[in-house]
Amino acid sequence: MAVDPFVRPEDETAADAIAAIGDELALFDDWMDRYQYIIELGRKLPPFPKEWTDDAHRVPGCQSQVWLEARCDNGTMYFAGASDAAIVSGLVALLLRVYSGRPLEEILATEPTFLHDLGLVQALSTNRGNGVEAMARAIRAAAAQEMEREEQHG
């Protein structure tokens, strides 16, 4: 049986996930250790299907290649993601921990300001910081599209 590529939530809410990530990052004294931790998170992402590593799944605005797939199940949105760069895979894992497996309303209500609040964007190169923000925008745009679709068919 194929492994489910979609990330399941490990925290109760997006806010809980953000708080937990903040606590985990605070365990490390410097950014090199935090980067190592983030890279480890990326290695734990579920395997991303090869056939999804195409332009249709590619997130624009990222320096590295990033792919994202979304699926909605009864108003809950699940995401699968991958990148060709280790640190970026970790950032994908962080974002999916916050956003995947959440109700559409919660995804849309969770602004990606936590990326700044946790110091992630500032610690990254400008291109990577822009890229992580592009990923967050893509996730929230997928949720907004799904919400619109449900309202039209509801």
Protein backbone atom coordinates (compact mmCIF):
# COMPACT_ATOMS: atom_id res chain seq x y z
CA MET A 1 0.00 0.00 0.00
CA ALA A 2 1.25 3.48 -0.87
CA VAL A 3 2.24 5.79 1.94
CA ASP A 4 -0.15 8.73 2.39
CA PRO A 5 1.82 11.80 1.21
CA PHE A 6 -0.47 14.21 3.09
CA VAL A 7 0.70 15.57 6.43
CA ARG A 8 -1.55 14.76 9.39
CA PRO A 9 -1.68 17.27 12.25
CA GLU A 10 0.31 16.44 15.37
CA ASP A 11 -0.92 19.49 17.30
CA GLU A 12 -4.52 20.31 18.23
CA THR A 13 -4.65 23.66 16.40
CA ALA A 14 -2.52 25.81 14.12
CA ALA A 15 -1.83 28.09 17.11
CA ASP A 16 -0.66 25.08 19.15
CA ALA A 17 1.63 24.04 16.29
CA ILE A 18 3.14 27.53 16.10
CA ALA A 19 3.69 27.58 19.87
CA ALA A 20 5.29 24.10 19.79
CA ILE A 21 7.60 25.08 16.93
CA GLY A 22 8.60 28.22 18.87
CA ASP A 23 9.36 26.10 21.95
CA GLU A 24 11.36 23.59 19.91
CA LEU A 25 13.41 26.30 18.17
CA ALA A 26 14.06 27.95 21.56
CA LEU A 27 15.84 24.78 22.71
CA PHE A 28 18.75 25.67 20.42
CA ASP A 29 21.24 28.42 21.20
CA ASP A 30 22.14 29.37 17.66
CA TRP A 31 20.79 29.32 14.15
CA MET A 32 23.16 26.61 12.92
CA ASP A 33 21.56 24.18 15.39
CA ARG A 34 18.09 25.43 14.47
CA TYR A 35 18.85 24.89 10.77
CA GLN A 36 19.94 21.33 11.55
CA TYR A 37 16.67 20.77 13.41
CA ILE A 38 14.66 22.23 10.49
CA ILE A 39 16.54 19.99 8.02
CA GLU A 40 15.65 16.98 10.21
CA LEU A 41 11.96 17.97 10.07
CA GLY A 42 12.19 17.98 6.28
CA ARG A 43 13.61 14.45 6.28
CA LYS A 44 10.53 13.29 8.19
CA LEU A 45 8.06 14.54 5.57
CA PRO A 46 5.98 11.75 4.02
CA PRO A 47 7.33 10.68 0.61
CA PHE A 48 6.08 13.00 -2.12
CA PRO A 49 4.87 11.18 -5.26
CA LYS A 50 7.31 11.59 -8.18
CA GLU A 51 4.47 12.32 -10.61
CA TRP A 52 3.67 15.46 -8.58
CA THR A 53 7.13 16.98 -9.08
CA ASP A 54 5.90 18.86 -12.14
CA ASP A 55 5.11 22.46 -13.07
CA ALA A 56 1.45 22.07 -12.11
CA HIS A 57 2.50 21.45 -8.48
CA ARG A 58 5.41 23.87 -8.39
CA VAL A 59 5.18 26.86 -6.04
CA PRO A 60 6.20 30.04 -7.86
CA GLY A 61 8.46 32.52 -6.07
CA CYS A 62 10.77 29.97 -4.50
CA GLN A 63 14.48 29.91 -5.28
CA SER A 64 14.59 26.14 -4.79
CA GLN A 65 12.06 23.86 -6.39
CA VAL A 66 9.05 23.41 -4.12
CA TRP A 67 6.00 21.31 -4.92
CA LEU A 68 2.69 21.33 -3.13
CA GLU A 69 -0.47 19.27 -3.43
CA ALA A 70 -3.69 20.02 -1.57
CA ARG A 71 -6.73 17.86 -0.89
CA CYS A 72 -9.90 18.88 0.87
CA ASP A 73 -11.89 16.37 2.85
CA ASN A 74 -15.16 17.58 4.44
CA GLY A 75 -13.91 21.14 4.92
CA THR A 76 -10.51 20.05 6.21
CA MET A 77 -7.51 20.74 4.00
CA TYR A 78 -4.52 18.40 3.82
CA PHE A 79 -1.24 19.27 2.16
CA ALA A 80 1.67 17.30 0.80
CA GLY A 81 4.92 19.05 -0.02
CA ALA A 82 8.52 18.59 -1.03
CA SER A 83 11.59 20.51 -2.11
CA ASP A 84 14.87 19.72 -3.81
CA ALA A 85 16.78 21.59 -1.04
CA ALA A 86 17.23 20.18 2.49
CA ILE A 87 16.61 23.39 4.42
CA VAL A 88 13.59 24.23 2.26
CA SER A 89 12.12 20.75 2.83
CA GLY A 90 12.34 21.56 6.53
CA LEU A 91 10.53 24.85 6.01
CA VAL A 92 7.86 23.00 4.01
CA ALA A 93 7.53 20.59 6.97
CA LEU A 94 7.11 23.53 9.38
CA LEU A 95 4.41 25.13 7.25
CA LEU A 96 2.56 21.84 6.77
CA ARG A 97 2.70 21.20 10.52
CA VAL A 98 0.87 24.49 11.01
CA TYR A 99 -1.57 24.32 8.08
CA SER A 100 -2.17 20.70 7.04
CA GLY A 101 -5.18 18.87 8.47
CA ARG A 102 -6.93 22.07 9.52
CA PRO A 103 -10.40 23.41 8.73
CA LEU A 104 -10.44 25.94 5.87
CA GLU A 105 -11.48 28.74 8.24
CA GLU A 106 -8.50 28.06 10.53
CA ILE A 107 -6.04 28.06 7.62
CA LEU A 108 -7.40 31.39 6.39
CA ALA A 109 -7.43 32.84 9.92
CA THR A 110 -3.79 31.84 10.53
CA GLU A 111 -1.69 34.61 9.04
CA PRO A 112 1.89 33.53 8.25
CA THR A 113 3.21 36.28 10.58
CA PHE A 114 4.56 33.48 12.81
CA LEU A 115 7.39 33.08 10.25
CA HIS A 116 8.58 36.54 11.30
CA ASP A 117 7.61 36.14 14.95
CA LEU A 118 9.77 33.01 15.25
CA GLY A 119 12.67 34.78 13.51
CA LEU A 120 12.61 32.33 10.60
CA VAL A 121 12.33 34.83 7.76
CA GLN A 122 15.02 37.08 9.22
CA ALA A 123 17.42 34.13 9.70
CA LEU A 124 17.09 33.01 6.09
CA SER A 125 18.60 34.51 2.97
CA THR A 126 16.28 37.03 1.30
CA ASN A 127 15.38 34.55 -1.46
CA ARG A 128 14.58 31.78 1.03
CA GLY A 129 12.58 34.17 3.19
CA ASN A 130 10.58 35.23 0.14
CA GLY A 131 10.20 31.58 -0.82
CA VAL A 132 8.80 30.52 2.54
CA GLU A 133 6.32 33.39 2.36
CA ALA A 134 5.38 32.29 -1.20
CA MET A 135 4.70 28.77 0.17
CA ALA A 136 2.48 30.15 2.93
CA ARG A 137 0.60 32.26 0.34
CA ALA A 138 0.13 29.19 -1.90
CA ILE A 139 -1.27 27.16 1.02
CA ARG A 140 -3.70 29.90 2.03
CA ALA A 141 -4.69 30.54 -1.61
CA ALA A 142 -5.56 26.83 -2.00
CA ALA A 143 -7.74 27.05 1.11
CA ALA A 144 -9.43 30.24 -0.15
CA GLN A 145 -10.15 28.59 -3.52
CA GLU A 146 -11.62 25.55 -1.81
CA MET A 147 -13.77 27.73 0.44
CA GLU A 148 -15.08 29.60 -2.61
CA ARG A 149 -15.83 26.31 -4.37
CA GLU A 150 -17.75 25.03 -1.34
CA GLU A 151 -19.75 28.25 -1.08
CA GLN A 152 -20.72 28.02 -4.77
CA HIS A 153 -21.80 24.39 -4.45
CA GLY A 154 -23.09 24.55 -0.87
